[in-house]
C-alpha atoms as a PDB file:
ATOM      1  CA  MET A   1     146.934-206.626  36.275  1.00  0.00           C
ATOM      2  CA  LEU A   2     145.988-205.334  39.711  1.00  0.00           C
ATOM      3  CA  LYS A   3     148.416-202.498  39.389  1.00  0.00           C
ATOM      4  CA  ARG A   4     146.967-201.563  35.989  1.00  0.00           C
ATOM      5  CA  ALA A   5     143.399-201.644  37.360  1.00  0.00           C
ATOM      6  CA  LEU A   6     144.303-199.424  40.315  1.00  0.00           C
ATOM      7  CA  ALA A   7     146.042-196.994  37.994  1.00  0.00           C
ATOM      8  CA  GLY A   8     142.911-196.820  35.811  1.00  0.00           C
ATOM      9  CA  VAL A   9     140.662-196.162  38.781  1.00  0.00           C
ATOM     10  CA  SER A  10     142.993-193.420  40.012  1.00  0.00           C
ATOM     11  CA  ALA A  11     142.973-191.801  36.603  1.00  0.00           C
ATOM     12  CA  LEU A  12     139.164-191.851  36.463  1.00  0.00           C
ATOM     13  CA  ALA A  13     138.970-190.335  39.949  1.00  0.00           C
ATOM     14  CA  LEU A  14     141.324-187.548  38.943  1.00  0.00           C
ATOM     15  CA  LEU A  15     139.295-186.838  35.808  1.00  0.00           C
ATOM     16  CA  GLY A  16     136.023-186.786  37.812  1.00  0.00           C
ATOM     17  CA  GLY A  17     137.453-184.355  40.359  1.00  0.00           C
ATOM     18  CA  ALA A  18     138.696-182.073  37.613  1.00  0.00           C
ATOM     19  CA  ALA A  19     135.273-182.084  35.968  1.00  0.00           C
ATOM     20  CA  SER A  20     133.563-181.268  39.286  1.00  0.00           C
ATOM     21  CA  ALA A  21     135.956-178.402  39.882  1.00  0.00           C
ATOM     22  CA  ALA A  22     135.225-177.083  36.400  1.00  0.00           C
ATOM     23  CA  ASP A  23     131.496-177.227  37.088  1.00  0.00           C
ATOM     24  CA  LEU A  24     131.906-175.334  40.355  1.00  0.00           C
ATOM     25  CA  ALA A  25     133.940-172.700  38.601  1.00  0.00           C
ATOM     26  CA  THR A  26     131.211-172.109  35.994  1.00  0.00           C
ATOM     27  CA  LYS A  27     129.051-169.078  36.845  1.00  0.00           C
ATOM     28  CA  TYR A  28     125.339-169.473  36.217  1.00  0.00           C
ATOM     29  CA  PRO A  29     123.063-166.388  35.967  1.00  0.00           C
ATOM     30  CA  VAL A  30     120.984-165.794  39.120  1.00  0.00           C
ATOM     31  CA  LYS A  31     117.364-164.726  38.600  1.00  0.00           C
ATOM     32  CA  ALA A  32     116.264-161.634  40.555  1.00  0.00           C
ATOM     33  CA  ALA A  33     113.511-162.134  43.103  1.00  0.00           C
ATOM     34  CA  PRO A  34     110.100-160.920  41.852  1.00  0.00           C
ATOM     35  CA  VAL A  35     109.111-157.469  43.078  1.00  0.00           C
ATOM     36  CA  VAL A  36     106.015-157.623  45.277  1.00  0.00           C
ATOM     37  CA  VAL A  37     103.703-154.645  44.648  1.00  0.00           C
ATOM     38  CA  PRO A  38     101.685-153.862  47.778  1.00  0.00           C
ATOM     39  CA  VAL A  39      97.898-153.890  47.310  1.00  0.00           C
ATOM     40  CA  PHE A  40      96.233-150.583  48.197  1.00  0.00           C
ATOM     41  CA  SER A  41      93.777-150.709  51.092  1.00  0.00           C
ATOM     42  CA  TRP A  42      90.975-148.219  51.783  1.00  0.00           C
ATOM     43  CA  THR A  43      90.885-149.100  55.473  1.00  0.00           C
ATOM     44  CA  GLY A  44      91.665-146.179  57.748  1.00  0.00           C
ATOM     45  CA  PHE A  45      90.658-142.819  59.150  1.00  0.00           C
ATOM     46  CA  TYR A  46      90.641-139.710  56.928  1.00  0.00           C
ATOM     47  CA  ILE A  47      89.957-135.984  57.015  1.00  0.00           C
ATOM     48  CA  GLY A  48      89.480-133.538  54.160  1.00  0.00           C
ATOM     49  CA  ALA A  49      87.814-130.522  52.585  1.00  0.00           C
ATOM     50  CA  ASN A  50      85.325-129.966  49.768  1.00  0.00           C
ATOM     51  CA  VAL A  51      83.784-127.299  47.535  1.00  0.00           C
ATOM     52  CA  GLY A  52      80.781-127.415  45.260  1.00  0.00           C
ATOM     53  CA  TRP A  53      77.464-126.015  44.075  1.00  0.00           C
ATOM     54  CA  ALA A  54      73.957-126.485  45.473  1.00  0.00           C
ATOM     55  CA  TRP A  55      70.453-126.107  44.014  1.00  0.00           C
ATOM     56  CA  GLN A  56      67.690-125.552  46.558  1.00  0.00           C
ATOM     57  CA  ASN A  57      63.894-125.431  46.460  1.00  0.00           C
ATOM     58  CA  ASN A  58      61.842-123.839  49.271  1.00  0.00           C
ATOM     59  CA  ASP A  59      58.107-124.033  49.948  1.00  0.00           C
ATOM     60  CA  LEU A  60      55.916-122.724  52.763  1.00  0.00           C
ATOM     61  CA  SER A  61      52.436-123.671  53.892  1.00  0.00           C
ATOM     62  CA  VAL A  62      51.015-120.907  56.136  1.00  0.00           C
ATOM     63  CA  SER A  63      47.842-121.040  58.212  1.00  0.00           C
ATOM     64  CA  PRO A  64      47.856-117.661  60.036  1.00  0.00           C
ATOM     65  CA  PHE A  65      44.837-118.427  62.259  1.00  0.00           C
ATOM     66  CA  TYR A  66      43.634-121.635  63.837  1.00  0.00           C
ATOM     67  CA  GLY A  67      41.043-123.353  61.649  1.00  0.00           C
ATOM     68  CA  ILE A  68      41.794-121.330  58.504  1.00  0.00           C
ATOM     69  CA  PRO A  69      43.022-123.427  55.567  1.00  0.00           C
ATOM     70  CA  ALA A  70      46.718-123.083  54.847  1.00  0.00           C
ATOM     71  CA  THR A  71      48.027-121.125  51.902  1.00  0.00           C
ATOM     72  CA  ASN A  72      50.834-122.774  49.938  1.00  0.00           C
ATOM     73  CA  ILE A  73      53.576-120.333  49.068  1.00  0.00           C
ATOM     74  CA  SER A  74      56.544-121.037  46.820  1.00  0.00           C
ATOM     75  CA  VAL A  75      59.405-118.967  48.155  1.00  0.00           C
ATOM     76  CA  GLY A  76      61.388-119.971  45.101  1.00  0.00           C
ATOM     77  CA  SER A  77      64.519-121.813  44.171  1.00  0.00           C
ATOM     78  CA  ALA A  78      68.062-120.771  44.880  1.00  0.00           C
ATOM     79  CA  ASN A  79      71.539-121.904  43.993  1.00  0.00           C
ATOM     80  CA  GLY A  80      74.985-121.005  45.140  1.00  0.00           C
ATOM     81  CA  PHE A  81      78.413-121.957  46.427  1.00  0.00           C
ATOM     82  CA  ILE A  82      79.064-124.405  49.251  1.00  0.00           C
ATOM     83  CA  GLY A  83      82.270-125.454  50.961  1.00  0.00           C
ATOM     84  CA  GLY A  84      83.227-127.361  54.050  1.00  0.00           C
ATOM     85  CA  LEU A  85      85.048-130.150  55.846  1.00  0.00           C
ATOM     86  CA  GLN A  86      84.571-133.895  56.211  1.00  0.00           C
ATOM     87  CA  ALA A  87      85.984-136.745  58.274  1.00  0.00           C
ATOM     88  CA  GLY A  88      85.340-140.462  58.289  1.00  0.00           C
ATOM     89  CA  TYR A  89      86.554-144.030  58.534  1.00  0.00           C
ATOM     90  CA  ASN A  90      86.599-146.814  55.919  1.00  0.00           C
ATOM     91  CA  TRP A  91      86.895-150.551  56.444  1.00  0.00           C
ATOM     92  CA  GLN A  92      87.764-152.807  53.508  1.00  0.00           C
ATOM     93  CA  PHE A  93      86.935-156.507  53.798  1.00  0.00           C
ATOM     94  CA  ALA A  94      86.224-159.529  51.578  1.00  0.00           C
ATOM     95  CA  ASN A  95      88.972-158.175  49.285  1.00  0.00           C
ATOM     96  CA  ASN A  96      86.931-155.424  47.602  1.00  0.00           C
ATOM     97  CA  VAL A  97      83.914-154.417  49.707  1.00  0.00           C
ATOM     98  CA  VAL A  98      84.312-151.107  51.558  1.00  0.00           C
ATOM     99  CA  ILE A  99      81.978-149.783  54.237  1.00  0.00           C
ATOM    100  CA  GLY A 100      82.440-146.509  56.047  1.00  0.00           C
ATOM    101  CA  LEU A 101      80.983-143.697  58.082  1.00  0.00           C
ATOM    102  CA  GLU A 102      81.405-140.019  57.163  1.00  0.00           C
ATOM    103  CA  ALA A 103      80.317-136.729  58.706  1.00  0.00           C
ATOM    104  CA  ASP A 104      80.564-133.324  57.024  1.00  0.00           C
ATOM    105  CA  ILE A 105      79.572-129.714  57.534  1.00  0.00           C
ATOM    106  CA  GLU A 106      79.097-127.144  54.767  1.00  0.00           C
ATOM    107  CA  TRP A 107      78.913-123.361  54.800  1.00  0.00           C
ATOM    108  CA  THR A 108      76.436-122.202  52.178  1.00  0.00           C
ATOM    109  CA  ASP A 109      75.652-119.093  50.165  1.00  0.00           C
ATOM    110  CA  LEU A 110      72.020-119.780  49.246  1.00  0.00           C
ATOM    111  CA  GLY A 111      69.024-117.469  49.225  1.00  0.00           C
ATOM    112  CA  SER A 112      65.877-116.673  47.271  1.00  0.00           C
ATOM    113  CA  ASN A 113      63.756-113.632  46.445  1.00  0.00           C
ATOM    114  CA  GLY A 114      61.300-112.248  48.959  1.00  0.00           C
ATOM    115  CA  VAL A 115      57.609-113.159  48.758  1.00  0.00           C
ATOM    116  CA  ALA A 116      54.720-111.263  50.372  1.00  0.00           C
ATOM    117  CA  ILE A 117      52.497-113.372  52.617  1.00  0.00           C
ATOM    118  CA  VAL A 118      48.891-112.221  53.020  1.00  0.00           C
ATOM    119  CA  SER A 119      46.235-113.745  55.234  1.00  0.00           C
ATOM    120  CA  PRO A 120      43.526-115.145  52.913  1.00  0.00           C
ATOM    121  CA  GLY A 121      40.155-113.398  53.222  1.00  0.00           C
ATOM    122  CA  ARG A 122      41.396-110.945  55.875  1.00  0.00           C
ATOM    123  CA  GLY A 123      43.763-108.733  53.944  1.00  0.00           C
ATOM    124  CA  LEU A 124      46.365-108.955  56.717  1.00  0.00           C
ATOM    125  CA  ALA A 125      49.878-108.851  55.361  1.00  0.00           C
ATOM    126  CA  ALA A 126      52.510-110.831  57.225  1.00  0.00           C
ATOM    127  CA  GLY A 127      55.310-109.014  55.483  1.00  0.00           C
ATOM    128  CA  LEU A 128      58.048-110.050  53.114  1.00  0.00           C
ATOM    129  CA  THR A 129      59.758-113.394  53.622  1.00  0.00           C
ATOM    130  CA  THR A 130      62.921-114.850  52.109  1.00  0.00           C
ATOM    131  CA  ALA A 131      64.522-118.261  52.354  1.00  0.00           C
ATOM    132  CA  SER A 132      68.142-118.753  53.330  1.00  0.00           C
ATOM    133  CA  MET A 133      70.435-121.465  54.654  1.00  0.00           C
ATOM    134  CA  ASP A 134      73.500-120.646  56.724  1.00  0.00           C
ATOM    135  CA  TYR A 135      75.022-124.099  57.036  1.00  0.00           C
ATOM    136  CA  ALA A 136      74.205-127.748  56.438  1.00  0.00           C
ATOM    137  CA  GLY A 137      75.746-131.118  57.116  1.00  0.00           C
ATOM    138  CA  THR A 138      75.274-134.863  56.996  1.00  0.00           C
ATOM    139  CA  ILE A 139      76.142-138.018  58.937  1.00  0.00           C
ATOM    140  CA  ARG A 140      76.180-140.888  56.446  1.00  0.00           C
ATOM    141  CA  ALA A 141      77.041-144.538  55.915  1.00  0.00           C
ATOM    142  CA  ARG A 142      78.968-145.418  52.748  1.00  0.00           C
ATOM    143  CA  LEU A 143      79.040-148.701  50.824  1.00  0.00           C
ATOM    144  CA  GLY A 144      81.423-149.205  47.934  1.00  0.00           C
ATOM    145  CA  TYR A 145      83.274-151.770  45.825  1.00  0.00           C
ATOM    146  CA  ALA A 146      86.967-151.093  45.302  1.00  0.00           C
ATOM    147  CA  PHE A 147      88.728-151.599  41.982  1.00  0.00           C
ATOM    148  CA  ASP A 148      92.178-151.203  43.514  1.00  0.00           C
ATOM    149  CA  ARG A 149      92.498-147.399  43.811  1.00  0.00           C
ATOM    150  CA  VAL A 150      89.060-146.584  42.339  1.00  0.00           C
ATOM    151  CA  LEU A 151      86.106-146.674  44.733  1.00  0.00           C
ATOM    152  CA  PRO A 152      82.548-146.100  43.451  1.00  0.00           C
ATOM    153  CA  TYR A 153      80.050-145.929  46.321  1.00  0.00           C
ATOM    154  CA  ILE A 154      76.522-145.157  47.442  1.00  0.00           C
ATOM    155  CA  THR A 155      75.728-143.251  50.620  1.00  0.00           C
ATOM    156  CA  ALA A 156      72.750-142.382  52.835  1.00  0.00           C
ATOM    157  CA  GLY A 157      72.036-141.025  56.296  1.00  0.00           C
ATOM    158  CA  VAL A 158      70.706-138.084  58.274  1.00  0.00           C
ATOM    159  CA  ALA A 159      71.064-134.412  57.338  1.00  0.00           C
ATOM    160  CA  TYR A 160      70.764-131.114  59.176  1.00  0.00           C
ATOM    161  CA  GLY A 161      70.751-127.460  58.229  1.00  0.00           C
ATOM    162  CA  LYS A 162      69.968-124.024  59.606  1.00  0.00           C
ATOM    163  CA  THR A 163      67.133-122.569  57.514  1.00  0.00           C
ATOM    164  CA  ASP A 164      65.523-119.154  57.869  1.00  0.00           C
ATOM    165  CA  PHE A 165      62.263-118.015  56.232  1.00  0.00           C
ATOM    166  CA  GLY A 166      62.221-114.763  58.165  1.00  0.00           C
ATOM    167  CA  THR A 167      59.677-113.655  60.785  1.00  0.00           C
ATOM    168  CA  ILE A 168      56.127-114.557  59.731  1.00  0.00           C
ATOM    169  CA  TYR A 169      53.185-113.236  61.808  1.00  0.00           C
ATOM    170  CA  GLY A 170      55.648-112.501  64.580  1.00  0.00           C
ATOM    171  CA  THR A 171      57.095-116.019  64.545  1.00  0.00           C
ATOM    172  CA  SER A 172      60.771-116.601  63.820  1.00  0.00           C
ATOM    173  CA  THR A 173      61.529-119.481  61.486  1.00  0.00           C
ATOM    174  CA  SER A 174      65.293-119.463  61.990  1.00  0.00           C
ATOM    175  CA  GLU A 175      66.424-122.786  63.429  1.00  0.00           C
ATOM    176  CA  THR A 176      68.374-125.943  62.721  1.00  0.00           C
ATOM    177  CA  ASN A 177      66.211-128.637  61.141  1.00  0.00           C
ATOM    178  CA  TRP A 178      66.882-132.336  60.588  1.00  0.00           C
ATOM    179  CA  GLY A 179      66.046-134.567  57.641  1.00  0.00           C
ATOM    180  CA  TRP A 180      67.608-137.222  55.443  1.00  0.00           C
ATOM    181  CA  THR A 181      70.045-137.543  52.544  1.00  0.00           C
ATOM    182  CA  ILE A 182      70.963-140.042  49.839  1.00  0.00           C
ATOM    183  CA  GLY A 183      73.520-139.995  47.042  1.00  0.00           C
ATOM    184  CA  GLY A 184      76.616-141.528  45.535  1.00  0.00           C
ATOM    185  CA  GLY A 185      80.048-140.817  44.184  1.00  0.00           C
ATOM    186  CA  VAL A 186      83.450-142.103  43.121  1.00  0.00           C
ATOM    187  CA  GLU A 187      86.781-141.702  44.912  1.00  0.00           C
ATOM    188  CA  TYR A 188      90.311-142.211  43.575  1.00  0.00           C
ATOM    189  CA  ALA A 189      93.539-142.713  45.532  1.00  0.00           C
ATOM    190  CA  PHE A 190      96.413-140.809  43.929  1.00  0.00           C
ATOM    191  CA  THR A 191      98.836-142.010  46.606  1.00  0.00           C
ATOM    192  CA  ASN A 192      98.559-144.171  49.714  1.00  0.00           C
ATOM    193  CA  ASN A 193      97.496-141.049  51.631  1.00  0.00           C
ATOM    194  CA  ILE A 194      95.873-138.600  49.179  1.00  0.00           C
ATOM    195  CA  THR A 195      92.446-139.304  47.643  1.00  0.00           C
ATOM    196  CA  ALA A 196      89.951-137.177  45.726  1.00  0.00           C
ATOM    197  CA  LYS A 197      86.209-137.650  45.198  1.00  0.00           C
ATOM    198  CA  LEU A 198      83.263-136.443  43.131  1.00  0.00           C
ATOM    199  CA  GLU A 199      79.947-136.718  44.990  1.00  0.00           C
ATOM    200  CA  TYR A 200      76.245-135.971  44.558  1.00  0.00           C
ATOM    201  CA  LEU A 201      73.808-135.689  47.484  1.00  0.00           C
ATOM    202  CA  TYR A 202      70.080-135.064  47.697  1.00  0.00           C
ATOM    203  CA  VAL A 203      69.161-133.456  51.039  1.00  0.00           C
ATOM    204  CA  ASP A 204      65.568-133.133  52.305  1.00  0.00           C
ATOM    205  CA  LEU A 205      64.861-131.008  55.384  1.00  0.00           C
ATOM    206  CA  GLY A 206      61.082-131.137  54.949  1.00  0.00           C
ATOM    207  CA  GLY A 207      58.511-131.312  57.689  1.00  0.00           C
ATOM    208  CA  SER A 208      59.596-128.303  59.769  1.00  0.00           C
ATOM    209  CA  THR A 209      56.592-126.905  61.668  1.00  0.00           C
ATOM    210  CA  TYR A 210      56.396-123.580  63.526  1.00  0.00           C
ATOM    211  CA  THR A 211      53.472-122.499  65.706  1.00  0.00           C
ATOM    212  CA  ILE A 212      52.167-118.915  65.701  1.00  0.00           C
ATOM    213  CA  PRO A 213      51.524-118.345  69.444  1.00  0.00           C
ATOM    214  CA  SER A 214      49.224-115.337  69.104  1.00  0.00           C
ATOM    215  CA  THR A 215      46.766-116.978  66.687  1.00  0.00           C
ATOM    216  CA  LEU A 216      47.477-120.724  67.170  1.00  0.00           C
ATOM    217  CA  GLY A 217      48.158-120.848  63.469  1.00  0.00           C
ATOM    218  CA  SER A 218      51.042-122.770  61.960  1.00  0.00           C
ATOM    219  CA  ILE A 219      53.829-122.543  59.403  1.00  0.00           C
ATOM    220  CA  GLN A 220      55.062-125.612  57.532  1.00  0.00           C
ATOM    221  CA  ALA A 221      58.396-125.382  55.739  1.00  0.00           C
ATOM    222  CA  ASP A 222      59.866-127.740  53.159  1.00  0.00           C
ATOM    223  CA  THR A 223      63.452-127.416  51.970  1.00  0.00           C
ATOM    224  CA  ASN A 224      65.223-129.812  49.608  1.00  0.00           C
ATOM    225  CA  THR A 225      68.660-129.381  48.102  1.00  0.00           C
ATOM    226  CA  SER A 226      70.771-131.064  45.435  1.00  0.00           C
ATOM    227  CA  VAL A 227      74.511-130.834  46.023  1.00  0.00           C
ATOM    228  CA  LEU A 228      77.391-131.602  43.638  1.00  0.00           C
ATOM    229  CA  LYS A 229      80.862-131.299  45.136  1.00  0.00           C
ATOM    230  CA  VAL A 230      84.497-132.339  44.819  1.00  0.00           C
ATOM    231  CA  GLY A 231      86.655-133.140  47.797  1.00  0.00           C
ATOM    232  CA  VAL A 232      90.198-134.059  48.788  1.00  0.00           C
ATOM    233  CA  ASN A 233      91.046-136.365  51.704  1.00  0.00           C
ATOM    234  CA  TYR A 234      94.172-137.274  53.643  1.00  0.00           C
ATOM    235  CA  LYS A 235      94.075-140.929  54.739  1.00  0.00           C
ATOM    236  CA  PHE A 236      96.058-141.928  57.806  1.00  0.00           C
END
């Protein structure tokens, strides 16, 4: 009986080993590891260029002699081509919030028709004046909310521009003036390095005052501009 029992156990062991070997020999399909798609980040330094169109309105308030009420003069509106460069830095945090700082400079082709300025009540002509802007720029903060590669944003900061209303009563009005700007736009990342944007800015360089030394009179200039431009950036 013992011999028969041992023989049965040996047979079962042999059958179990054969079954295990068969299981090891069976090939099971191996699932591929999931592909991890990197999330785009707006954080980083960038430089770029832009082109666009600007609409400008110019007004003068001239008091040729001390104590004489000022005469308001509309030099007229102008529009024309602009183009320039920009550079900035973005920082993305809290998953989607993006803050940044950008500076740009634009070369402009803006001007308006000449207007004769005459001293009220005295018949003294100051001559013919025109309004022009040679260049303009901004230094702005940006705040946006990223939808992956799409970034809508608002922006605001300081603005500057070289305006020229000609020489009025012997006083030159050509100088760089400072003001403020506000606007918004949307930017899209085509690749991890190339982005493009559409942007609108309102620029106000009002409050520029010039003194007429010979008469102690004054000239007050107000210039405001609307700018629509497209730009391309390279993000490092």
